[in-house]
Amino acid sequence: MGTWGAGNFDSDTAADRLSELTGRLIDEIEQAMNGDPVGLEPDEYDGVVVPCNLELLALLSERGYVGVTLPPAVKLAEWKKTFLDVWERSIDGLEPKPEYKVERRAVLNATFDRLIALAEES
């Protein structure tokens, strides 16, 4: 078992843990994307959890920890299209305030784009 520093994530065991964790986040997203699109609507569980998982993946990746894995950028772009298509089709049914709709769309786009850029760098 290798250790290369004093940090909490500076060892082979920690890298293995991060690989398992990011793998689970990715698996959850993949299942949501391949499931019933209704589950991705903004007021459904996966409609909330998928962006959370994307954000967690981005945060871990930005730290540069060994063991963090990301899907290929092309896969992330497919997920973005799928997710945002469902969001656009269903958000008006929830009658959001116009400002919220604009702001939330911007956050969702930025989250996907940030993760796509990170995947392209790795």
PDB file of N, CA and C in Angstrom:
ATOM      1  N   MET A   1       0.854  -1.169   0.000  1.00  0.00           N
ATOM      2  CA  MET A   1       0.000   0.000   0.000  1.00  0.00           C
ATOM      3  C   MET A   1       0.896   1.227   0.000  1.00  0.00           C
ATOM      4  N   GLY A   2       0.663   2.142  -0.953  1.00  0.00           N
ATOM      5  CA  GLY A   2       1.492   3.322  -1.069  1.00  0.00           C
ATOM      6  C   GLY A   2       0.863   4.540  -0.427  1.00  0.00           C
ATOM      7  N   THR A   3       1.709   5.320   0.178  1.00  0.00           N
ATOM      8  CA  THR A   3       1.305   6.604   0.742  1.00  0.00           C
ATOM      9  C   THR A   3       2.269   7.641   0.205  1.00  0.00           C
ATOM     10  N   TRP A   4       1.749   8.731  -0.310  1.00  0.00           N
ATOM     11  CA  TRP A   4       2.619   9.744  -0.908  1.00  0.00           C
ATOM     12  C   TRP A   4       2.522  11.098  -0.229  1.00  0.00           C
ATOM     13  N   GLY A   5       1.761  11.193   0.824  1.00  0.00           N
ATOM     14  CA  GLY A   5       1.650  12.452   1.541  1.00  0.00           C
ATOM     15  C   GLY A   5       0.865  12.278   2.825  1.00  0.00           C
ATOM     16  N   ALA A   6       0.754  13.361   3.574  1.00  0.00           N
ATOM     17  CA  ALA A   6       0.077  13.320   4.866  1.00  0.00           C
ATOM     18  C   ALA A   6      -1.418  13.610   4.761  1.00  0.00           C
ATOM     19  N   GLY A   7      -1.897  13.978   3.578  1.00  0.00           N
ATOM     20  CA  GLY A   7      -3.304  14.321   3.404  1.00  0.00           C
ATOM     21  C   GLY A   7      -4.224  13.122   3.526  1.00  0.00           C
ATOM     22  N   ASN A   8      -5.490  13.399   3.757  1.00  0.00           N
ATOM     23  CA  ASN A   8      -6.480  12.338   3.909  1.00  0.00           C
ATOM     24  C   ASN A   8      -6.664  11.501   2.655  1.00  0.00           C
ATOM     25  N   PHE A   9      -6.311  12.043   1.512  1.00  0.00           N
ATOM     26  CA  PHE A   9      -6.485  11.331   0.253  1.00  0.00           C
ATOM     27  C   PHE A   9      -5.157  11.018  -0.432  1.00  0.00           C
ATOM     28  N   ASP A  10      -4.096  10.938   0.345  1.00  0.00           N
ATOM     29  CA  ASP A  10      -2.756  10.718  -0.200  1.00  0.00           C
ATOM     30  C   ASP A  10      -2.267   9.290   0.000  1.00  0.00           C
ATOM     31  N   SER A  11      -3.114   8.333  -0.368  1.00  0.00           N
ATOM     32  CA  SER A  11      -2.697   6.933  -0.265  1.00  0.00           C
ATOM     33  C   SER A  11      -3.492   6.096  -1.266  1.00  0.00           C
ATOM     34  N   ASP A  12      -2.981   4.901  -1.512  1.00  0.00           N
ATOM     35  CA  ASP A  12      -3.676   3.993  -2.422  1.00  0.00           C
ATOM     36  C   ASP A  12      -5.074   3.640  -1.909  1.00  0.00           C
ATOM     37  N   THR A  13      -5.193   3.441  -0.619  1.00  0.00           N
ATOM     38  CA  THR A  13      -6.496   3.094  -0.046  1.00  0.00           C
ATOM     39  C   THR A  13      -7.496   4.227  -0.254  1.00  0.00           C
ATOM     40  N   ALA A  14      -7.050   5.443  -0.022  1.00  0.00           N
ATOM     41  CA  ALA A  14      -7.936   6.599  -0.233  1.00  0.00           C
ATOM     42  C   ALA A  14      -8.313   6.727  -1.704  1.00  0.00           C
ATOM     43  N   ALA A  15      -7.357   6.483  -2.594  1.00  0.00           N
ATOM     44  CA  ALA A  15      -7.648   6.544  -4.029  1.00  0.00           C
ATOM     45  C   ALA A  15      -8.673   5.474  -4.414  1.00  0.00           C
ATOM     46  N   ASP A  16      -8.530   4.293  -3.837  1.00  0.00           N
ATOM     47  CA  ASP A  16      -9.509   3.232  -4.096  1.00  0.00           C
ATOM     48  C   ASP A  16     -10.888   3.654  -3.598  1.00  0.00           C
ATOM     49  N   ARG A  17     -10.934   4.273  -2.439  1.00  0.00           N
ATOM     50  CA  ARG A  17     -12.209   4.738  -1.879  1.00  0.00           C
ATOM     51  C   ARG A  17     -12.855   5.766  -2.800  1.00  0.00           C
ATOM     52  N   LEU A  18     -12.067   6.718  -3.303  1.00  0.00           N
ATOM     53  CA  LEU A  18     -12.611   7.734  -4.204  1.00  0.00           C
ATOM     54  C   LEU A  18     -13.093   7.124  -5.511  1.00  0.00           C
ATOM     55  N   SER A  19     -12.383   6.130  -5.992  1.00  0.00           N
ATOM     56  CA  SER A  19     -12.806   5.448  -7.207  1.00  0.00           C
ATOM     57  C   SER A  19     -14.147   4.745  -6.992  1.00  0.00           C
ATOM     58  N   GLU A  20     -14.308   4.095  -5.840  1.00  0.00           N
ATOM     59  CA  GLU A  20     -15.585   3.450  -5.517  1.00  0.00           C
ATOM     60  C   GLU A  20     -16.702   4.487  -5.396  1.00  0.00           C
ATOM     61  N   LEU A  21     -16.418   5.572  -4.707  1.00  0.00           N
ATOM     62  CA  LEU A  21     -17.424   6.610  -4.485  1.00  0.00           C
ATOM     63  C   LEU A  21     -17.862   7.254  -5.801  1.00  0.00           C
ATOM     64  N   THR A  22     -16.893   7.648  -6.624  1.00  0.00           N
ATOM     65  CA  THR A  22     -17.261   8.271  -7.894  1.00  0.00           C
ATOM     66  C   THR A  22     -17.954   7.261  -8.799  1.00  0.00           C
ATOM     67  N   GLY A  23     -17.555   6.010  -8.711  1.00  0.00           N
ATOM     68  CA  GLY A  23     -18.229   4.976  -9.490  1.00  0.00           C
ATOM     69  C   GLY A  23     -19.690   4.839  -9.111  1.00  0.00           C
ATOM     70  N   ARG A  24     -19.983   4.929  -7.827  1.00  0.00           N
ATOM     71  CA  ARG A  24     -21.382   4.845  -7.380  1.00  0.00           C
ATOM     72  C   ARG A  24     -22.188   6.045  -7.853  1.00  0.00           C
ATOM     73  N   LEU A  25     -21.580   7.231  -7.773  1.00  0.00           N
ATOM     74  CA  LEU A  25     -22.277   8.431  -8.247  1.00  0.00           C
ATOM     75  C   LEU A  25     -22.598   8.308  -9.735  1.00  0.00           C
ATOM     76  N   ILE A  26     -21.633   7.838 -10.493  1.00  0.00           N
ATOM     77  CA  ILE A  26     -21.817   7.667 -11.938  1.00  0.00           C
ATOM     78  C   ILE A  26     -22.867   6.599 -12.225  1.00  0.00           C
ATOM     79  N   ASP A  27     -22.831   5.495 -11.490  1.00  0.00           N
ATOM     80  CA  ASP A  27     -23.828   4.437 -11.682  1.00  0.00           C
ATOM     81  C   ASP A  27     -25.239   4.957 -11.420  1.00  0.00           C
ATOM     82  N   GLU A  28     -25.404   5.762 -10.365  1.00  0.00           N
ATOM     83  CA  GLU A  28     -26.720   6.324 -10.059  1.00  0.00           C
ATOM     84  C   GLU A  28     -27.211   7.225 -11.197  1.00  0.00           C
ATOM     85  N   ILE A  29     -26.309   8.028 -11.739  1.00  0.00           N
ATOM     86  CA  ILE A  29     -26.686   8.900 -12.856  1.00  0.00           C
ATOM     87  C   ILE A  29     -27.064   8.060 -14.065  1.00  0.00           C
ATOM     88  N   GLU A  30     -26.241   7.073 -14.361  1.00  0.00           N
ATOM     89  CA  GLU A  30     -26.492   6.203 -15.519  1.00  0.00           C
ATOM     90  C   GLU A  30     -27.855   5.518 -15.405  1.00  0.00           C
ATOM     91  N   GLN A  31     -28.185   5.012 -14.226  1.00  0.00           N
ATOM     92  CA  GLN A  31     -29.479   4.368 -14.029  1.00  0.00           C
ATOM     93  C   GLN A  31     -30.621   5.359 -14.241  1.00  0.00           C
ATOM     94  N   ALA A  32     -30.458   6.570 -13.736  1.00  0.00           N
ATOM     95  CA  ALA A  32     -31.497   7.593 -13.908  1.00  0.00           C
ATOM     96  C   ALA A  32     -31.665   7.947 -15.378  1.00  0.00           C
ATOM     97  N   MET A  33     -30.578   8.067 -16.094  1.00  0.00           N
ATOM     98  CA  MET A  33     -30.632   8.437 -17.505  1.00  0.00           C
ATOM     99  C   MET A  33     -31.246   7.333 -18.354  1.00  0.00           C
ATOM    100  N   ASN A  34     -31.074   6.093 -17.938  1.00  0.00           N
ATOM    101  CA  ASN A  34     -31.605   4.963 -18.699  1.00  0.00           C
ATOM    102  C   ASN A  34     -32.998   4.544 -18.241  1.00  0.00           C
ATOM    103  N   GLY A  35     -33.489   5.172 -17.190  1.00  0.00           N
ATOM    104  CA  GLY A  35     -34.799   4.821 -16.659  1.00  0.00           C
ATOM    105  C   GLY A  35     -35.910   5.622 -17.312  1.00  0.00           C
ATOM    106  N   ASP A  36     -37.050   5.597 -16.682  1.00  0.00           N
ATOM    107  CA  ASP A  36     -38.214   6.333 -17.146  1.00  0.00           C
ATOM    108  C   ASP A  36     -37.909   7.831 -17.081  1.00  0.00           C
ATOM    109  N   PRO A  37     -38.043   8.552 -18.187  1.00  0.00           N
ATOM    110  CA  PRO A  37     -37.742   9.987 -18.189  1.00  0.00           C
ATOM    111  C   PRO A  37     -38.541  10.792 -17.162  1.00  0.00           C
ATOM    112  N   VAL A  38     -39.703  10.289 -16.772  1.00  0.00           N
ATOM    113  CA  VAL A  38     -40.495  10.987 -15.753  1.00  0.00           C
ATOM    114  C   VAL A  38     -39.682  11.148 -14.471  1.00  0.00           C
ATOM    115  N   GLY A  39     -38.834  10.187 -14.177  1.00  0.00           N
ATOM    116  CA  GLY A  39     -38.002  10.255 -12.981  1.00  0.00           C
ATOM    117  C   GLY A  39     -37.011  11.396 -12.985  1.00  0.00           C
ATOM    118  N   LEU A  40     -36.733  11.956 -14.169  1.00  0.00           N
ATOM    119  CA  LEU A  40     -35.794  13.076 -14.286  1.00  0.00           C
ATOM    120  C   LEU A  40     -36.468  14.439 -14.191  1.00  0.00           C
ATOM    121  N   GLU A  41     -37.788  14.439 -14.094  1.00  0.00           N
ATOM    122  CA  GLU A  41     -38.479  15.726 -14.012  1.00  0.00           C
ATOM    123  C   GLU A  41     -38.040  16.479 -12.758  1.00  0.00           C
ATOM    124  N   PRO A  42     -38.098  17.801 -12.782  1.00  0.00           N
ATOM    125  CA  PRO A  42     -37.535  18.620 -11.703  1.00  0.00           C
ATOM    126  C   PRO A  42     -38.092  18.363 -10.311  1.00  0.00           C
ATOM    127  N   ASP A  43     -39.305  17.828 -10.213  1.00  0.00           N
ATOM    128  CA  ASP A  43     -39.887  17.570  -8.895  1.00  0.00           C
ATOM    129  C   ASP A  43     -39.807  16.095  -8.503  1.00  0.00           C
ATOM    130  N   GLU A  44     -39.040  15.321  -9.250  1.00  0.00           N
ATOM    131  CA  GLU A  44     -38.854  13.906  -8.952  1.00  0.00           C
ATOM    132  C   GLU A  44     -37.467  13.679  -8.345  1.00  0.00           C
ATOM    133  N   TYR A  45     -37.309  12.553  -7.670  1.00  0.00           N
ATOM    134  CA  TYR A  45     -36.065  12.240  -6.962  1.00  0.00           C
ATOM    135  C   TYR A  45     -34.830  12.385  -7.857  1.00  0.00           C
ATOM    136  N   ASP A  46     -34.820  11.690  -8.988  1.00  0.00           N
ATOM    137  CA  ASP A  46     -33.641  11.743  -9.856  1.00  0.00           C
ATOM    138  C   ASP A  46     -33.444  13.112 -10.487  1.00  0.00           C
ATOM    139  N   GLY A  47     -34.518  13.861 -10.643  1.00  0.00           N
ATOM    140  CA  GLY A  47     -34.391  15.220 -11.158  1.00  0.00           C
ATOM    141  C   GLY A  47     -33.631  16.128 -10.216  1.00  0.00           C
ATOM    142  N   VAL A  48     -33.599  15.766  -8.948  1.00  0.00           N
ATOM    143  CA  VAL A  48     -32.832  16.510  -7.948  1.00  0.00           C
ATOM    144  C   VAL A  48     -31.464  15.864  -7.719  1.00  0.00           C
ATOM    145  N   VAL A  49     -31.430  14.544  -7.636  1.00  0.00           N
ATOM    146  CA  VAL A  49     -30.200  13.833  -7.285  1.00  0.00           C
ATOM    147  C   VAL A  49     -29.154  13.867  -8.397  1.00  0.00           C
ATOM    148  N   VAL A  50     -29.584  13.788  -9.644  1.00  0.00           N
ATOM    149  CA  VAL A  50     -28.605  13.796 -10.741  1.00  0.00           C
ATOM    150  C   VAL A  50     -27.740  15.062 -10.703  1.00  0.00           C
ATOM    151  N   PRO A  51     -28.309  16.262 -10.623  1.00  0.00           N
ATOM    152  CA  PRO A  51     -27.441  17.441 -10.534  1.00  0.00           C
ATOM    153  C   PRO A  51     -26.566  17.448  -9.274  1.00  0.00           C
ATOM    154  N   CYS A  52     -27.096  16.907  -8.170  1.00  0.00           N
ATOM    155  CA  CYS A  52     -26.272  16.806  -6.960  1.00  0.00           C
ATOM    156  C   CYS A  52     -25.056  15.914  -7.212  1.00  0.00           C
ATOM    157  N   ASN A  53     -25.286  14.767  -7.829  1.00  0.00           N
ATOM    158  CA  ASN A  53     -24.185  13.854  -8.126  1.00  0.00           C
ATOM    159  C   ASN A  53     -23.180  14.473  -9.089  1.00  0.00           C
ATOM    160  N   LEU A  54     -23.682  15.190 -10.081  1.00  0.00           N
ATOM    161  CA  LEU A  54     -22.785  15.867 -11.018  1.00  0.00           C
ATOM    162  C   LEU A  54     -21.906  16.879 -10.292  1.00  0.00           C
ATOM    163  N   GLU A  55     -22.524  17.641  -9.397  1.00  0.00           N
ATOM    164  CA  GLU A  55     -21.778  18.641  -8.630  1.00  0.00           C
ATOM    165  C   GLU A  55     -20.718  17.988  -7.750  1.00  0.00           C
ATOM    166  N   LEU A  56     -21.069  16.884  -7.097  1.00  0.00           N
ATOM    167  CA  LEU A  56     -20.089  16.178  -6.269  1.00  0.00           C
ATOM    168  C   LEU A  56     -18.919  15.658  -7.109  1.00  0.00           C
ATOM    169  N   LEU A  57     -19.216  15.107  -8.277  1.00  0.00           N
ATOM    170  CA  LEU A  57     -18.153  14.641  -9.170  1.00  0.00           C
ATOM    171  C   LEU A  57     -17.225  15.789  -9.569  1.00  0.00           C
ATOM    172  N   ALA A  58     -17.817  16.927  -9.887  1.00  0.00           N
ATOM    173  CA  ALA A  58     -17.013  18.091 -10.281  1.00  0.00           C
ATOM    174  C   ALA A  58     -16.126  18.556  -9.128  1.00  0.00           C
ATOM    175  N   LEU A  59     -16.698  18.655  -7.944  1.00  0.00           N
ATOM    176  CA  LEU A  59     -15.918  19.106  -6.787  1.00  0.00           C
ATOM    177  C   LEU A  59     -14.745  18.171  -6.503  1.00  0.00           C
ATOM    178  N   LEU A  60     -14.997  16.876  -6.538  1.00  0.00           N
ATOM    179  CA  LEU A  60     -13.917  15.917  -6.294  1.00  0.00           C
ATOM    180  C   LEU A  60     -12.856  15.990  -7.389  1.00  0.00           C
ATOM    181  N   SER A  61     -13.302  16.110  -8.620  1.00  0.00           N
ATOM    182  CA  SER A  61     -12.353  16.191  -9.734  1.00  0.00           C
ATOM    183  C   SER A  61     -11.504  17.454  -9.666  1.00  0.00           C
ATOM    184  N   GLU A  62     -12.133  18.552  -9.318  1.00  0.00           N
ATOM    185  CA  GLU A  62     -11.395  19.824  -9.232  1.00  0.00           C
ATOM    186  C   GLU A  62     -10.313  19.791  -8.163  1.00  0.00           C
ATOM    187  N   ARG A  63     -10.478  18.960  -7.168  1.00  0.00           N
ATOM    188  CA  ARG A  63      -9.451  18.838  -6.129  1.00  0.00           C
ATOM    189  C   ARG A  63      -8.212  18.110  -6.635  1.00  0.00           C
ATOM    190  N   GLY A  64      -8.348  17.382  -7.722  1.00  0.00           N
ATOM    191  CA  GLY A  64      -7.203  16.693  -8.304  1.00  0.00           C
ATOM    192  C   GLY A  64      -6.801  15.425  -7.571  1.00  0.00           C
ATOM    193  N   TYR A  65      -7.715  14.857  -6.814  1.00  0.00           N
ATOM    194  CA  TYR A  65      -7.404  13.639  -6.068  1.00  0.00           C
ATOM    195  C   TYR A  65      -7.206  12.451  -6.997  1.00  0.00           C
ATOM    196  N   VAL A  66      -6.240  11.624  -6.657  1.00  0.00           N
ATOM    197  CA  VAL A  66      -6.032  10.366  -7.367  1.00  0.00           C
ATOM    198  C   VAL A  66      -7.217   9.453  -7.046  1.00  0.00           C
ATOM    199  N   GLY A  67      -7.730   8.787  -8.054  1.00  0.00           N
ATOM    200  CA  GLY A  67      -8.835   7.852  -7.853  1.00  0.00           C
ATOM    201  C   GLY A  67     -10.174   8.377  -8.314  1.00  0.00           C
ATOM    202  N   VAL A  68     -10.280   9.667  -8.532  1.00  0.00           N
ATOM    203  CA  VAL A  68     -11.536  10.232  -9.016  1.00  0.00           C
ATOM    204  C   VAL A  68     -11.655   9.901 -10.497  1.00  0.00           C
ATOM    205  N   THR A  69     -12.755   9.269 -10.859  1.00  0.00           N
ATOM    206  CA  THR A  69     -12.982   8.925 -12.257  1.00  0.00           C
ATOM    207  C   THR A  69     -14.214   9.665 -12.763  1.00  0.00           C
ATOM    208  N   LEU A  70     -14.168  10.043 -14.014  1.00  0.00           N
ATOM    209  CA  LEU A  70     -15.286  10.721 -14.665  1.00  0.00           C
ATOM    210  C   LEU A  70     -15.669   9.965 -15.927  1.00  0.00           C
ATOM    211  N   PRO A  71     -16.919  10.039 -16.310  1.00  0.00           N
ATOM    212  CA  PRO A  71     -17.314   9.464 -17.603  1.00  0.00           C
ATOM    213  C   PRO A  71     -16.665  10.278 -18.731  1.00  0.00           C
ATOM    214  N   PRO A  72     -16.604   9.715 -19.916  1.00  0.00           N
ATOM    215  CA  PRO A  72     -16.092  10.479 -21.051  1.00  0.00           C
ATOM    216  C   PRO A  72     -16.962  11.717 -21.318  1.00  0.00           C
ATOM    217  N   ALA A  73     -16.358  12.756 -21.835  1.00  0.00           N
ATOM    218  CA  ALA A  73     -17.069  14.005 -22.120  1.00  0.00           C
ATOM    219  C   ALA A  73     -18.255  13.770 -23.050  1.00  0.00           C
ATOM    220  N   VAL A  74     -18.121  12.875 -24.002  1.00  0.00           N
ATOM    221  CA  VAL A  74     -19.215  12.606 -24.936  1.00  0.00           C
ATOM    222  C   VAL A  74     -20.418  12.005 -24.200  1.00  0.00           C
ATOM    223  N   LYS A  75     -20.182  11.163 -23.206  1.00  0.00           N
ATOM    224  CA  LYS A  75     -21.259  10.586 -22.405  1.00  0.00           C
ATOM    225  C   LYS A  75     -21.930  11.678 -21.579  1.00  0.00           C
ATOM    226  N   LEU A  76     -21.132  12.563 -20.998  1.00  0.00           N
ATOM    227  CA  LEU A  76     -21.682  13.674 -20.219  1.00  0.00           C
ATOM    228  C   LEU A  76     -22.536  14.588 -21.095  1.00  0.00           C
ATOM    229  N   ALA A  77     -22.109  14.810 -22.323  1.00  0.00           N
ATOM    230  CA  ALA A  77     -22.891  15.635 -23.249  1.00  0.00           C
ATOM    231  C   ALA A  77     -24.233  14.964 -23.576  1.00  0.00           C
ATOM    232  N   GLU A  78     -24.228  13.639 -23.719  1.00  0.00           N
ATOM    233  CA  GLU A  78     -25.481  12.912 -23.943  1.00  0.00           C
ATOM    234  C   GLU A  78     -26.400  13.058 -22.734  1.00  0.00           C
ATOM    235  N   TRP A  79     -25.829  12.918 -21.536  1.00  0.00           N
ATOM    236  CA  TRP A  79     -26.618  13.072 -20.318  1.00  0.00           C
ATOM    237  C   TRP A  79     -27.200  14.481 -20.230  1.00  0.00           C
ATOM    238  N   LYS A  80     -26.399  15.463 -20.587  1.00  0.00           N
ATOM    239  CA  LYS A  80     -26.867  16.852 -20.538  1.00  0.00           C
ATOM    240  C   LYS A  80     -28.091  17.022 -21.439  1.00  0.00           C
ATOM    241  N   LYS A  81     -28.002  16.520 -22.649  1.00  0.00           N
ATOM    242  CA  LYS A  81     -29.123  16.655 -23.580  1.00  0.00           C
ATOM    243  C   LYS A  81     -30.363  15.953 -23.037  1.00  0.00           C
ATOM    244  N   THR A  82     -30.207  14.735 -22.579  1.00  0.00           N
ATOM    245  CA  THR A  82     -31.332  13.977 -22.033  1.00  0.00           C
ATOM    246  C   THR A  82     -31.963  14.708 -20.858  1.00  0.00           C
ATOM    247  N   PHE A  83     -31.127  15.117 -19.911  1.00  0.00           N
ATOM    248  CA  PHE A  83     -31.638  15.746 -18.698  1.00  0.00           C
ATOM    249  C   PHE A  83     -32.332  17.069 -19.011  1.00  0.00           C
ATOM    250  N   LEU A  84     -31.682  17.908 -19.799  1.00  0.00           N
ATOM    251  CA  LEU A  84     -32.255  19.222 -20.075  1.00  0.00           C
ATOM    252  C   LEU A  84     -33.489  19.141 -20.969  1.00  0.00           C
ATOM    253  N   ASP A  85     -33.548  18.142 -21.842  1.00  0.00           N
ATOM    254  CA  ASP A  85     -34.768  17.949 -22.632  1.00  0.00           C
ATOM    255  C   ASP A  85     -35.953  17.654 -21.717  1.00  0.00           C
ATOM    256  N   VAL A  86     -35.751  16.779 -20.743  1.00  0.00           N
ATOM    257  CA  VAL A  86     -36.826  16.470 -19.790  1.00  0.00           C
ATOM    258  C   VAL A  86     -37.164  17.707 -18.965  1.00  0.00           C
ATOM    259  N   TRP A  87     -36.154  18.409 -18.519  1.00  0.00           N
ATOM    260  CA  TRP A  87     -36.369  19.603 -17.697  1.00  0.00           C
ATOM    261  C   TRP A  87     -37.195  20.635 -18.451  1.00  0.00           C
ATOM    262  N   GLU A  88     -36.814  20.894 -19.701  1.00  0.00           N
ATOM    263  CA  GLU A  88     -37.529  21.896 -20.507  1.00  0.00           C
ATOM    264  C   GLU A  88     -38.985  21.487 -20.758  1.00  0.00           C
ATOM    265  N   ARG A  89     -39.215  20.198 -20.962  1.00  0.00           N
ATOM    266  CA  ARG A  89     -40.576  19.715 -21.221  1.00  0.00           C
ATOM    267  C   ARG A  89     -41.464  19.776 -19.987  1.00  0.00           C
ATOM    268  N   SER A  90     -40.870  19.737 -18.806  1.00  0.00           N
ATOM    269  CA  SER A  90     -41.683  19.578 -17.604  1.00  0.00           C
ATOM    270  C   SER A  90     -41.673  20.754 -16.643  1.00  0.00           C
ATOM    271  N   ILE A  91     -40.730  21.655 -16.740  1.00  0.00           N
ATOM    272  CA  ILE A  91     -40.602  22.723 -15.743  1.00  0.00           C
ATOM    273  C   ILE A  91     -41.824  23.640 -15.711  1.00  0.00           C
ATOM    274  N   ASP A  92     -42.399  23.971 -16.845  1.00  0.00           N
ATOM    275  CA  ASP A  92     -43.531  24.899 -16.850  1.00  0.00           C
ATOM    276  C   ASP A  92     -44.748  24.337 -16.115  1.00  0.00           C
ATOM    277  N   GLY A  93     -44.881  23.032 -16.094  1.00  0.00           N
ATOM    278  CA  GLY A  93     -45.983  22.406 -15.384  1.00  0.00           C
ATOM    279  C   GLY A  93     -45.931  22.633 -13.879  1.00  0.00           C
ATOM    280  N   LEU A  94     -44.763  23.003 -13.389  1.00  0.00           N
ATOM    281  CA  LEU A  94     -44.601  23.286 -11.960  1.00  0.00           C
ATOM    282  C   LEU A  94     -44.833  24.761 -11.637  1.00  0.00           C
ATOM    283  N   GLU A  95     -45.066  25.549 -12.665  1.00  0.00           N
ATOM    284  CA  GLU A  95     -45.358  26.977 -12.533  1.00  0.00           C
ATOM    285  C   GLU A  95     -44.304  27.734 -11.717  1.00  0.00           C
ATOM    286  N   PRO A  96     -43.035  27.610 -12.113  1.00  0.00           N
ATOM    287  CA  PRO A  96     -42.002  28.339 -11.371  1.00  0.00           C
ATOM    288  C   PRO A  96     -42.050  29.830 -11.695  1.00  0.00           C
ATOM    289  N   LYS A  97     -41.482  30.609 -10.816  1.00  0.00           N
ATOM    290  CA  LYS A  97     -41.328  32.032 -11.116  1.00  0.00           C
ATOM    291  C   LYS A  97     -40.356  32.147 -12.282  1.00  0.00           C
ATOM    292  N   PRO A  98     -40.566  33.096 -13.177  1.00  0.00           N
ATOM    293  CA  PRO A  98     -39.688  33.233 -14.348  1.00  0.00           C
ATOM    294  C   PRO A  98     -38.206  33.370 -13.972  1.00  0.00           C
ATOM    295  N   GLU A  99     -37.923  34.109 -12.902  1.00  0.00           N
ATOM    296  CA  GLU A  99     -36.520  34.300 -12.504  1.00  0.00           C
ATOM    297  C   GLU A  99     -35.888  32.980 -12.088  1.00  0.00           C
ATOM    298  N   TYR A 100     -36.657  32.175 -11.352  1.00  0.00           N
ATOM    299  CA  TYR A 100     -36.143  30.877 -10.921  1.00  0.00           C
ATOM    300  C   TYR A 100     -35.829  30.007 -12.124  1.00  0.00           C
ATOM    301  N   LYS A 101     -36.735  29.979 -13.073  1.00  0.00           N
ATOM    302  CA  LYS A 101     -36.559  29.141 -14.256  1.00  0.00           C
ATOM    303  C   LYS A 101     -35.274  29.516 -14.994  1.00  0.00           C
ATOM    304  N   VAL A 102     -35.044  30.808 -15.177  1.00  0.00           N
ATOM    305  CA  VAL A 102     -33.832  31.280 -15.863  1.00  0.00           C
ATOM    306  C   VAL A 102     -32.586  30.914 -15.057  1.00  0.00           C
ATOM    307  N   GLU A 103     -32.631  31.170 -13.762  1.00  0.00           N
ATOM    308  CA  GLU A 103     -31.467  30.899 -12.911  1.00  0.00           C
ATOM    309  C   GLU A 103     -31.176  29.409 -12.825  1.00  0.00           C
ATOM    310  N   ARG A 104     -32.224  28.600 -12.660  1.00  0.00           N
ATOM    311  CA  ARG A 104     -32.011  27.156 -12.534  1.00  0.00           C
ATOM    312  C   ARG A 104     -31.477  26.566 -13.821  1.00  0.00           C
ATOM    313  N   ARG A 105     -32.003  27.010 -14.967  1.00  0.00           N
ATOM    314  CA  ARG A 105     -31.494  26.534 -16.255  1.00  0.00           C
ATOM    315  C   ARG A 105     -30.003  26.860 -16.378  1.00  0.00           C
ATOM    316  N   ALA A 106     -29.622  28.068 -15.970  1.00  0.00           N
ATOM    317  CA  ALA A 106     -28.212  28.474 -16.043  1.00  0.00           C
ATOM    318  C   ALA A 106     -27.338  27.599 -15.144  1.00  0.00           C
ATOM    319  N   VAL A 107     -27.823  27.292 -13.948  1.00  0.00           N
ATOM    320  CA  VAL A 107     -27.057  26.436 -13.028  1.00  0.00           C
ATOM    321  C   VAL A 107     -26.904  25.036 -13.607  1.00  0.00           C
ATOM    322  N   LEU A 108     -27.978  24.481 -14.131  1.00  0.00           N
ATOM    323  CA  LEU A 108     -27.899  23.136 -14.709  1.00  0.00           C
ATOM    324  C   LEU A 108     -26.921  23.094 -15.878  1.00  0.00           C
ATOM    325  N   ASN A 109     -27.024  24.058 -16.781  1.00  0.00           N
ATOM    326  CA  ASN A 109     -26.090  24.113 -17.911  1.00  0.00           C
ATOM    327  C   ASN A 109     -24.653  24.249 -17.431  1.00  0.00           C
ATOM    328  N   ALA A 110     -24.424  25.135 -16.478  1.00  0.00           N
ATOM    329  CA  ALA A 110     -23.065  25.363 -15.964  1.00  0.00           C
ATOM    330  C   ALA A 110     -22.508  24.110 -15.290  1.00  0.00           C
ATOM    331  N   THR A 111     -23.351  23.396 -14.578  1.00  0.00           N
ATOM    332  CA  THR A 111     -22.894  22.176 -13.901  1.00  0.00           C
ATOM    333  C   THR A 111     -22.455  21.131 -14.916  1.00  0.00           C
ATOM    334  N   PHE A 112     -23.296  20.883 -15.906  1.00  0.00           N
ATOM    335  CA  PHE A 112     -22.918  19.925 -16.948  1.00  0.00           C
ATOM    336  C   PHE A 112     -21.666  20.397 -17.689  1.00  0.00           C
ATOM    337  N   ASP A 113     -21.633  21.662 -18.075  1.00  0.00           N
ATOM    338  CA  ASP A 113     -20.499  22.171 -18.855  1.00  0.00           C
ATOM    339  C   ASP A 113     -19.194  22.094 -18.066  1.00  0.00           C
ATOM    340  N   ARG A 114     -19.267  22.381 -16.776  1.00  0.00           N
ATOM    341  CA  ARG A 114     -18.075  22.304 -15.925  1.00  0.00           C
ATOM    342  C   ARG A 114     -17.551  20.877 -15.875  1.00  0.00           C
ATOM    343  N   LEU A 115     -18.446  19.920 -15.706  1.00  0.00           N
ATOM    344  CA  LEU A 115     -18.015  18.528 -15.633  1.00  0.00           C
ATOM    345  C   LEU A 115     -17.509  18.032 -16.987  1.00  0.00           C
ATOM    346  N   ILE A 116     -18.142  18.465 -18.054  1.00  0.00           N
ATOM    347  CA  ILE A 116     -17.657  18.097 -19.397  1.00  0.00           C
ATOM    348  C   ILE A 116     -16.243  18.628 -19.598  1.00  0.00           C
ATOM    349  N   ALA A 117     -15.988  19.854 -19.210  1.00  0.00           N
ATOM    350  CA  ALA A 117     -14.639  20.430 -19.351  1.00  0.00           C
ATOM    351  C   ALA A 117     -13.624  19.655 -18.511  1.00  0.00           C
ATOM    352  N   LEU A 118     -14.006  19.266 -17.309  1.00  0.00           N
ATOM    353  CA  LEU A 118     -13.098  18.478 -16.460  1.00  0.00           C
ATOM    354  C   LEU A 118     -12.799  17.130 -17.093  1.00  0.00           C
ATOM    355  N   ALA A 119     -13.816  16.508 -17.673  1.00  0.00           N
ATOM    356  CA  ALA A 119     -13.610  15.202 -18.330  1.00  0.00           C
ATOM    357  C   ALA A 119     -12.694  15.341 -19.545  1.00  0.00           C
ATOM    358  N   GLU A 120     -12.817  16.437 -20.253  1.00  0.00           N
ATOM    359  CA  GLU A 120     -11.956  16.668 -21.420  1.00  0.00           C
ATOM    360  C   GLU A 120     -10.499  16.887 -20.995  1.00  0.00           C
ATOM    361  N   GLU A 121     -10.287  17.445 -19.814  1.00  0.00           N
ATOM    362  CA  GLU A 121      -8.930  17.702 -19.310  1.00  0.00           C
ATOM    363  C   GLU A 121      -8.258  16.419 -18.807  1.00  0.00           C
ATOM    364  N   SER A 122      -9.078  15.471 -18.358  1.00  0.00           N
ATOM    365  CA  SER A 122      -8.476  14.264 -17.746  1.00  0.00           C
ATOM    366  C   SER A 122      -8.093  13.216 -18.772  1.00  0.00           C
TER     367      SER A 122
END
